N, C-alpha and C. Protein backbone atom coordinates (compact mmCIF):
# COMPACT_ATOMS: atom_id res chain seq x y z
N MET A 1 0.86 -1.16 0.00
CA MET A 1 0.00 0.00 0.00
C MET A 1 0.90 1.23 0.00
N ASN A 2 0.68 2.16 -0.93
CA ASN A 2 1.54 3.35 -1.00
C ASN A 2 1.11 4.38 0.04
N GLU A 3 1.93 5.40 0.18
CA GLU A 3 1.70 6.42 1.21
C GLU A 3 0.38 7.17 0.99
N GLU A 4 0.06 7.49 -0.26
CA GLU A 4 -1.19 8.19 -0.55
C GLU A 4 -2.40 7.36 -0.14
N ALA A 5 -2.34 6.07 -0.39
CA ALA A 5 -3.45 5.20 -0.02
C ALA A 5 -3.60 5.13 1.49
N VAL A 6 -2.48 5.09 2.21
CA VAL A 6 -2.52 5.05 3.67
C VAL A 6 -3.12 6.36 4.21
N VAL A 7 -2.67 7.49 3.67
CA VAL A 7 -3.19 8.79 4.11
C VAL A 7 -4.69 8.87 3.83
N SER A 8 -5.09 8.42 2.65
CA SER A 8 -6.51 8.43 2.29
C SER A 8 -7.32 7.55 3.24
N LEU A 9 -6.79 6.37 3.56
CA LEU A 9 -7.46 5.47 4.47
C LEU A 9 -7.59 6.09 5.86
N ILE A 10 -6.53 6.72 6.33
CA ILE A 10 -6.56 7.36 7.65
C ILE A 10 -7.59 8.48 7.68
N LYS A 11 -7.63 9.29 6.61
CA LYS A 11 -8.62 10.38 6.56
C LYS A 11 -10.04 9.83 6.55
N ASP A 12 -10.25 8.75 5.81
CA ASP A 12 -11.57 8.14 5.75
C ASP A 12 -11.97 7.60 7.12
N LEU A 13 -11.05 6.91 7.79
CA LEU A 13 -11.34 6.37 9.12
C LEU A 13 -11.61 7.49 10.13
N THR A 14 -10.83 8.56 10.04
CA THR A 14 -11.03 9.70 10.93
C THR A 14 -12.41 10.30 10.72
N SER A 15 -12.79 10.44 9.47
CA SER A 15 -14.11 10.98 9.15
C SER A 15 -15.21 10.09 9.70
N ARG A 16 -15.07 8.79 9.52
CA ARG A 16 -16.09 7.86 10.01
C ARG A 16 -16.17 7.87 11.54
N LEU A 17 -15.01 7.92 12.20
CA LEU A 17 -15.01 7.96 13.66
C LEU A 17 -15.64 9.24 14.17
N SER A 18 -15.39 10.35 13.50
CA SER A 18 -16.01 11.62 13.89
C SER A 18 -17.52 11.53 13.77
N ALA A 19 -18.00 10.92 12.68
CA ALA A 19 -19.44 10.77 12.49
C ALA A 19 -20.05 9.92 13.60
N VAL A 20 -19.36 8.84 13.97
CA VAL A 20 -19.85 7.98 15.05
C VAL A 20 -19.86 8.75 16.37
N ALA A 21 -18.80 9.50 16.63
CA ALA A 21 -18.72 10.29 17.87
C ALA A 21 -19.85 11.32 17.92
N GLU A 22 -20.12 11.98 16.81
CA GLU A 22 -21.20 12.96 16.77
C GLU A 22 -22.55 12.30 17.03
N GLU A 23 -22.76 11.12 16.45
CA GLU A 23 -24.02 10.40 16.65
C GLU A 23 -24.20 10.04 18.13
N PHE A 24 -23.16 9.50 18.75
CA PHE A 24 -23.26 9.13 20.16
C PHE A 24 -23.42 10.36 21.04
N SER A 25 -22.75 11.45 20.68
CA SER A 25 -22.89 12.69 21.45
C SER A 25 -24.33 13.16 21.42
N GLY A 26 -24.95 13.10 20.24
CA GLY A 26 -26.35 13.49 20.12
C GLY A 26 -27.26 12.59 20.93
N ARG A 27 -26.98 11.29 20.94
CA ARG A 27 -27.79 10.36 21.71
C ARG A 27 -27.67 10.64 23.20
N VAL A 28 -26.43 10.91 23.66
CA VAL A 28 -26.22 11.20 25.08
C VAL A 28 -26.97 12.46 25.47
N GLU A 29 -26.92 13.49 24.63
CA GLU A 29 -27.63 14.73 24.94
C GLU A 29 -29.14 14.48 25.03
N ARG A 30 -29.68 13.63 24.15
CA ARG A 30 -31.11 13.34 24.20
C ARG A 30 -31.46 12.55 25.46
N VAL A 31 -30.59 11.63 25.86
CA VAL A 31 -30.85 10.83 27.07
C VAL A 31 -30.74 11.70 28.31
N ASP A 32 -29.75 12.61 28.33
CA ASP A 32 -29.54 13.46 29.50
C ASP A 32 -30.54 14.60 29.61
N ALA A 33 -31.27 14.90 28.55
CA ALA A 33 -32.20 16.03 28.57
C ALA A 33 -33.32 15.77 29.57
N PRO A 34 -33.60 16.75 30.41
CA PRO A 34 -34.70 16.57 31.36
C PRO A 34 -36.02 16.51 30.61
N THR A 35 -36.89 15.61 31.05
CA THR A 35 -38.16 15.44 30.34
C THR A 35 -39.29 16.21 30.98
N ASP A 36 -39.27 16.37 32.31
CA ASP A 36 -40.39 17.02 32.96
C ASP A 36 -40.09 18.45 33.39
N ALA A 37 -38.85 18.86 33.32
CA ALA A 37 -38.49 20.21 33.73
C ALA A 37 -38.47 21.11 32.50
N ALA A 38 -38.60 22.40 32.76
CA ALA A 38 -38.51 23.36 31.66
C ALA A 38 -37.09 23.33 31.11
N PRO A 39 -36.92 23.42 29.80
CA PRO A 39 -35.57 23.36 29.25
C PRO A 39 -34.73 24.56 29.68
N ASP A 40 -33.49 24.27 29.98
CA ASP A 40 -32.54 25.31 30.36
C ASP A 40 -32.02 25.97 29.09
N MET A 41 -32.29 27.25 28.93
CA MET A 41 -31.93 27.94 27.69
C MET A 41 -30.49 28.45 27.71
N THR A 42 -29.84 28.38 28.85
CA THR A 42 -28.46 28.84 28.90
C THR A 42 -27.53 27.74 28.42
N VAL A 43 -26.48 28.15 27.77
CA VAL A 43 -25.47 27.21 27.30
C VAL A 43 -24.25 27.39 28.19
N SER A 44 -23.77 26.29 28.76
CA SER A 44 -22.61 26.38 29.64
C SER A 44 -21.37 26.73 28.82
N LEU A 45 -20.40 27.27 29.50
CA LEU A 45 -19.13 27.59 28.84
C LEU A 45 -18.48 26.33 28.30
N ALA A 46 -18.57 25.23 29.05
CA ALA A 46 -18.00 23.97 28.58
C ALA A 46 -18.71 23.48 27.33
N GLN A 47 -20.03 23.68 27.27
CA GLN A 47 -20.75 23.27 26.06
C GLN A 47 -20.34 24.13 24.87
N LYS A 48 -20.08 25.40 25.10
CA LYS A 48 -19.58 26.25 24.01
C LYS A 48 -18.24 25.73 23.52
N ALA A 49 -17.38 25.34 24.45
CA ALA A 49 -16.07 24.80 24.07
C ALA A 49 -16.23 23.51 23.28
N ARG A 50 -17.15 22.64 23.72
CA ARG A 50 -17.40 21.39 22.99
C ARG A 50 -17.93 21.67 21.58
N THR A 51 -18.82 22.64 21.47
CA THR A 51 -19.37 23.00 20.16
C THR A 51 -18.27 23.51 19.25
N LEU A 52 -17.41 24.38 19.77
CA LEU A 52 -16.29 24.88 18.96
C LEU A 52 -15.39 23.74 18.50
N SER A 53 -15.10 22.83 19.41
CA SER A 53 -14.24 21.70 19.08
C SER A 53 -14.89 20.81 18.02
N ASP A 54 -16.18 20.54 18.19
CA ASP A 54 -16.91 19.73 17.20
C ASP A 54 -16.93 20.42 15.84
N GLN A 55 -17.13 21.74 15.84
CA GLN A 55 -17.16 22.48 14.58
C GLN A 55 -15.81 22.42 13.88
N ARG A 56 -14.74 22.47 14.65
CA ARG A 56 -13.40 22.40 14.06
C ARG A 56 -13.18 21.04 13.41
N ARG A 57 -13.62 19.96 14.07
CA ARG A 57 -13.49 18.62 13.48
C ARG A 57 -14.34 18.50 12.22
N LEU A 58 -15.54 19.03 12.27
CA LEU A 58 -16.44 18.98 11.12
C LEU A 58 -15.85 19.75 9.94
N ARG A 59 -15.26 20.88 10.22
CA ARG A 59 -14.64 21.70 9.18
C ARG A 59 -13.53 20.93 8.48
N ARG A 60 -12.75 20.16 9.25
CA ARG A 60 -11.64 19.39 8.67
C ARG A 60 -12.14 18.24 7.80
N ARG A 61 -13.37 17.82 8.01
CA ARG A 61 -13.92 16.76 7.16
C ARG A 61 -14.25 17.27 5.77
N SER A 62 -14.55 18.54 5.64
CA SER A 62 -14.98 19.10 4.36
C SER A 62 -13.91 19.90 3.62
N LEU A 63 -12.97 20.41 4.36
CA LEU A 63 -11.95 21.28 3.78
C LEU A 63 -10.56 20.79 4.18
N PRO A 64 -9.55 21.15 3.40
CA PRO A 64 -8.18 20.73 3.74
C PRO A 64 -7.78 21.21 5.14
N ALA A 65 -7.25 20.31 5.92
CA ALA A 65 -6.90 20.60 7.32
C ALA A 65 -5.89 21.74 7.44
N GLU A 66 -4.97 21.85 6.46
CA GLU A 66 -3.94 22.89 6.58
C GLU A 66 -4.50 24.31 6.51
N LEU A 67 -5.74 24.45 6.08
CA LEU A 67 -6.36 25.78 6.06
C LEU A 67 -6.64 26.30 7.46
N PHE A 68 -6.80 25.40 8.39
CA PHE A 68 -7.23 25.78 9.74
C PHE A 68 -6.32 25.19 10.80
N HIS A 69 -5.05 25.20 10.57
CA HIS A 69 -4.09 24.55 11.46
C HIS A 69 -3.78 25.45 12.66
N GLU A 70 -4.41 25.17 13.78
CA GLU A 70 -4.19 25.92 15.01
C GLU A 70 -4.06 24.94 16.17
N PRO A 71 -2.93 24.24 16.26
CA PRO A 71 -2.82 23.23 17.31
C PRO A 71 -2.95 23.79 18.72
N ALA A 72 -2.48 25.00 18.96
CA ALA A 72 -2.59 25.58 20.30
C ALA A 72 -4.06 25.77 20.68
N TRP A 73 -4.87 26.24 19.74
CA TRP A 73 -6.29 26.45 20.03
C TRP A 73 -7.00 25.12 20.25
N ASP A 74 -6.69 24.13 19.44
CA ASP A 74 -7.28 22.80 19.63
C ASP A 74 -6.93 22.26 21.02
N MET A 75 -5.69 22.48 21.44
CA MET A 75 -5.27 22.00 22.76
C MET A 75 -5.97 22.78 23.87
N MET A 76 -6.10 24.10 23.71
CA MET A 76 -6.77 24.90 24.74
C MET A 76 -8.23 24.46 24.89
N LEU A 77 -8.90 24.21 23.78
CA LEU A 77 -10.28 23.72 23.86
C LEU A 77 -10.34 22.37 24.57
N ALA A 78 -9.46 21.45 24.19
CA ALA A 78 -9.44 20.12 24.81
C ALA A 78 -9.14 20.23 26.30
N LEU A 79 -8.21 21.10 26.67
CA LEU A 79 -7.87 21.26 28.08
C LEU A 79 -9.01 21.89 28.87
N TYR A 80 -9.74 22.81 28.26
CA TYR A 80 -10.88 23.41 28.97
C TYR A 80 -11.98 22.38 29.19
N ILE A 81 -12.24 21.58 28.17
CA ILE A 81 -13.26 20.53 28.29
C ILE A 81 -12.83 19.52 29.37
N ALA A 82 -11.55 19.14 29.35
CA ALA A 82 -11.04 18.21 30.37
C ALA A 82 -11.16 18.84 31.76
N HIS A 83 -10.86 20.13 31.87
CA HIS A 83 -10.98 20.84 33.15
C HIS A 83 -12.42 20.77 33.65
N ASP A 84 -13.37 21.00 32.75
CA ASP A 84 -14.78 20.95 33.13
C ASP A 84 -15.18 19.56 33.61
N GLU A 85 -14.58 18.54 33.02
CA GLU A 85 -14.90 17.15 33.37
C GLU A 85 -14.05 16.64 34.54
N GLY A 86 -13.18 17.48 35.07
CA GLY A 86 -12.34 17.07 36.19
C GLY A 86 -11.22 16.12 35.79
N ARG A 87 -10.82 16.19 34.54
CA ARG A 87 -9.76 15.31 34.04
C ARG A 87 -8.50 16.11 33.75
N VAL A 88 -7.38 15.41 33.73
CA VAL A 88 -6.10 15.96 33.33
C VAL A 88 -5.65 15.14 32.12
N LEU A 89 -5.09 15.78 31.13
CA LEU A 89 -4.63 15.08 29.93
C LEU A 89 -3.13 14.87 29.99
N ASN A 90 -2.68 13.71 29.53
CA ASN A 90 -1.24 13.53 29.40
C ASN A 90 -0.83 14.09 28.04
N VAL A 91 0.45 14.24 27.83
CA VAL A 91 0.95 14.86 26.60
C VAL A 91 0.47 14.09 25.38
N LYS A 92 0.50 12.77 25.45
CA LYS A 92 0.09 11.96 24.30
C LYS A 92 -1.37 12.24 23.92
N SER A 93 -2.25 12.30 24.91
CA SER A 93 -3.66 12.59 24.65
C SER A 93 -3.84 14.00 24.09
N LEU A 94 -3.10 14.93 24.63
CA LEU A 94 -3.21 16.32 24.18
C LEU A 94 -2.71 16.48 22.75
N VAL A 95 -1.63 15.78 22.42
CA VAL A 95 -1.09 15.81 21.06
C VAL A 95 -2.14 15.27 20.09
N ALA A 96 -2.84 14.23 20.47
CA ALA A 96 -3.88 13.66 19.61
C ALA A 96 -5.00 14.66 19.35
N CYS A 97 -5.30 15.49 20.33
CA CYS A 97 -6.35 16.50 20.16
C CYS A 97 -5.93 17.60 19.20
N ALA A 98 -4.64 17.82 19.08
CA ALA A 98 -4.13 18.94 18.27
C ALA A 98 -4.10 18.65 16.79
N ASP A 99 -4.19 17.40 16.40
CA ASP A 99 -4.16 17.04 14.99
C ASP A 99 -2.94 17.66 14.30
N ALA A 100 -1.79 17.53 14.97
CA ALA A 100 -0.54 18.08 14.45
C ALA A 100 0.59 17.10 14.78
N PRO A 101 1.71 17.23 14.11
CA PRO A 101 2.84 16.36 14.44
C PRO A 101 3.23 16.49 15.92
N VAL A 102 3.77 15.41 16.46
CA VAL A 102 4.13 15.38 17.88
C VAL A 102 5.09 16.52 18.24
N THR A 103 6.12 16.72 17.44
CA THR A 103 7.10 17.77 17.77
C THR A 103 6.47 19.15 17.75
N THR A 104 5.59 19.40 16.80
CA THR A 104 4.90 20.69 16.72
C THR A 104 4.03 20.88 17.96
N SER A 105 3.29 19.84 18.31
CA SER A 105 2.42 19.92 19.49
C SER A 105 3.23 20.13 20.76
N GLN A 106 4.35 19.44 20.88
CA GLN A 106 5.19 19.61 22.07
C GLN A 106 5.74 21.03 22.16
N ARG A 107 6.09 21.61 21.03
CA ARG A 107 6.56 23.01 21.05
C ARG A 107 5.43 23.93 21.51
N TRP A 108 4.21 23.66 21.06
CA TRP A 108 3.09 24.49 21.48
C TRP A 108 2.80 24.31 22.96
N ILE A 109 2.90 23.10 23.47
CA ILE A 109 2.71 22.88 24.91
C ILE A 109 3.73 23.69 25.69
N GLU A 110 4.98 23.66 25.24
CA GLU A 110 6.03 24.44 25.89
C GLU A 110 5.71 25.93 25.85
N HIS A 111 5.25 26.41 24.70
CA HIS A 111 4.91 27.83 24.56
C HIS A 111 3.73 28.20 25.46
N LEU A 112 2.70 27.37 25.49
CA LEU A 112 1.55 27.63 26.37
C LEU A 112 1.98 27.65 27.83
N HIS A 113 2.95 26.80 28.17
CA HIS A 113 3.47 26.78 29.54
C HIS A 113 4.23 28.08 29.84
N LYS A 114 5.04 28.54 28.89
CA LYS A 114 5.76 29.81 29.08
C LYS A 114 4.81 30.98 29.23
N LEU A 115 3.66 30.92 28.54
CA LEU A 115 2.66 31.96 28.66
C LEU A 115 1.81 31.82 29.92
N ARG A 116 2.10 30.77 30.69
CA ARG A 116 1.41 30.47 31.95
C ARG A 116 -0.07 30.17 31.76
N LEU A 117 -0.39 29.56 30.61
CA LEU A 117 -1.76 29.15 30.34
C LEU A 117 -1.99 27.69 30.72
N VAL A 118 -0.90 26.90 30.81
CA VAL A 118 -1.03 25.50 31.19
C VAL A 118 -0.01 25.16 32.27
N ASN A 119 -0.34 24.12 33.02
CA ASN A 119 0.57 23.54 34.00
C ASN A 119 1.01 22.18 33.48
N ARG A 120 2.24 21.83 33.76
CA ARG A 120 2.76 20.50 33.43
C ARG A 120 3.32 19.89 34.69
N VAL A 121 2.90 18.66 34.97
CA VAL A 121 3.43 17.95 36.13
C VAL A 121 3.74 16.52 35.74
N VAL A 122 4.70 15.92 36.40
CA VAL A 122 5.06 14.54 36.15
C VAL A 122 3.97 13.65 36.73
N ASP A 123 3.53 12.67 35.96
CA ASP A 123 2.53 11.71 36.39
C ASP A 123 3.07 10.97 37.61
N SER A 124 2.28 10.92 38.68
CA SER A 124 2.76 10.28 39.92
C SER A 124 2.85 8.76 39.79
N VAL A 125 2.11 8.18 38.86
CA VAL A 125 2.15 6.73 38.67
C VAL A 125 3.24 6.34 37.68
N ASP A 126 3.30 7.03 36.56
CA ASP A 126 4.29 6.74 35.51
C ASP A 126 5.13 7.99 35.31
N ARG A 127 6.28 8.02 35.93
CA ARG A 127 7.12 9.22 35.96
C ARG A 127 7.67 9.60 34.59
N ARG A 128 7.47 8.74 33.59
CA ARG A 128 7.89 9.08 32.24
C ARG A 128 6.88 9.99 31.54
N ARG A 129 5.66 10.05 32.08
CA ARG A 129 4.60 10.82 31.45
C ARG A 129 4.42 12.17 32.12
N LEU A 130 4.05 13.16 31.30
CA LEU A 130 3.71 14.48 31.81
C LEU A 130 2.21 14.67 31.70
N GLU A 131 1.62 15.23 32.74
CA GLU A 131 0.21 15.59 32.70
C GLU A 131 0.12 17.09 32.45
N VAL A 132 -0.84 17.48 31.63
CA VAL A 132 -1.01 18.88 31.28
C VAL A 132 -2.44 19.29 31.64
N SER A 133 -2.57 20.45 32.25
CA SER A 133 -3.88 20.99 32.58
C SER A 133 -3.83 22.50 32.43
N LEU A 134 -4.99 23.11 32.34
CA LEU A 134 -5.04 24.57 32.28
C LEU A 134 -4.61 25.15 33.62
N SER A 135 -3.84 26.18 33.58
CA SER A 135 -3.52 26.91 34.79
C SER A 135 -4.72 27.79 35.14
N GLN A 136 -4.69 28.44 36.27
CA GLN A 136 -5.77 29.36 36.62
C GLN A 136 -5.87 30.46 35.57
N ASN A 137 -4.71 30.95 35.10
CA ASN A 137 -4.73 31.96 34.03
C ASN A 137 -5.39 31.42 32.77
N GLY A 138 -5.11 30.17 32.44
CA GLY A 138 -5.70 29.54 31.26
C GLY A 138 -7.21 29.39 31.39
N VAL A 139 -7.66 28.97 32.57
CA VAL A 139 -9.10 28.83 32.82
C VAL A 139 -9.78 30.18 32.67
N GLU A 140 -9.19 31.20 33.29
CA GLU A 140 -9.78 32.53 33.23
C GLU A 140 -9.81 33.08 31.80
N ALA A 141 -8.74 32.85 31.05
CA ALA A 141 -8.69 33.33 29.67
C ALA A 141 -9.75 32.63 28.82
N MET A 142 -9.88 31.31 28.98
CA MET A 142 -10.87 30.57 28.21
C MET A 142 -12.28 31.00 28.60
N GLU A 143 -12.54 31.17 29.89
CA GLU A 143 -13.86 31.58 30.34
C GLU A 143 -14.20 32.99 29.87
N SER A 144 -13.20 33.85 29.83
CA SER A 144 -13.43 35.20 29.32
C SER A 144 -13.83 35.16 27.85
N TYR A 145 -13.11 34.36 27.07
CA TYR A 145 -13.41 34.24 25.65
C TYR A 145 -14.78 33.60 25.45
N LEU A 146 -15.02 32.45 26.10
CA LEU A 146 -16.27 31.73 25.91
C LEU A 146 -17.47 32.52 26.39
N SER A 147 -17.30 33.32 27.43
CA SER A 147 -18.39 34.17 27.92
C SER A 147 -18.76 35.26 26.94
N ALA A 148 -17.78 35.69 26.15
CA ALA A 148 -18.02 36.76 25.18
C ALA A 148 -18.74 36.26 23.93
N LEU A 149 -18.76 34.93 23.73
CA LEU A 149 -19.46 34.37 22.57
C LEU A 149 -20.96 34.45 22.78
N PRO A 150 -21.68 34.62 21.68
CA PRO A 150 -23.16 34.65 21.80
C PRO A 150 -23.70 33.29 22.16
């Protein structure tokens, strides 16, 4: 199998997995929706972040990914969502969210750390791994931005 065929296969699989994830996300939202209470018309900041992240994935399915290459923004969205869910991401997971080469993503993690938007700590169980989370500055910056969205 040549390189073009492998790339095409990976893009096709990515597209299919995104479609499956969107379908399950919709099902979860329908199951979680309150049935007897009045619907809550406010959208949480975390839901805004999830919507932005979903829109970015959807955009990559229709248009060339290099048109919208912003690994730092993809990582900030993923970190905010993880923060809302009480999770911490390791570098490998965060790199996967960025849809960028590992070295590029690692440089962005370093830059976000220098800007004091993220914290990096050594995993207490596996000392070879680094855990990354939003710093307080990062949380505040994301909340400021997400609050300003309609």
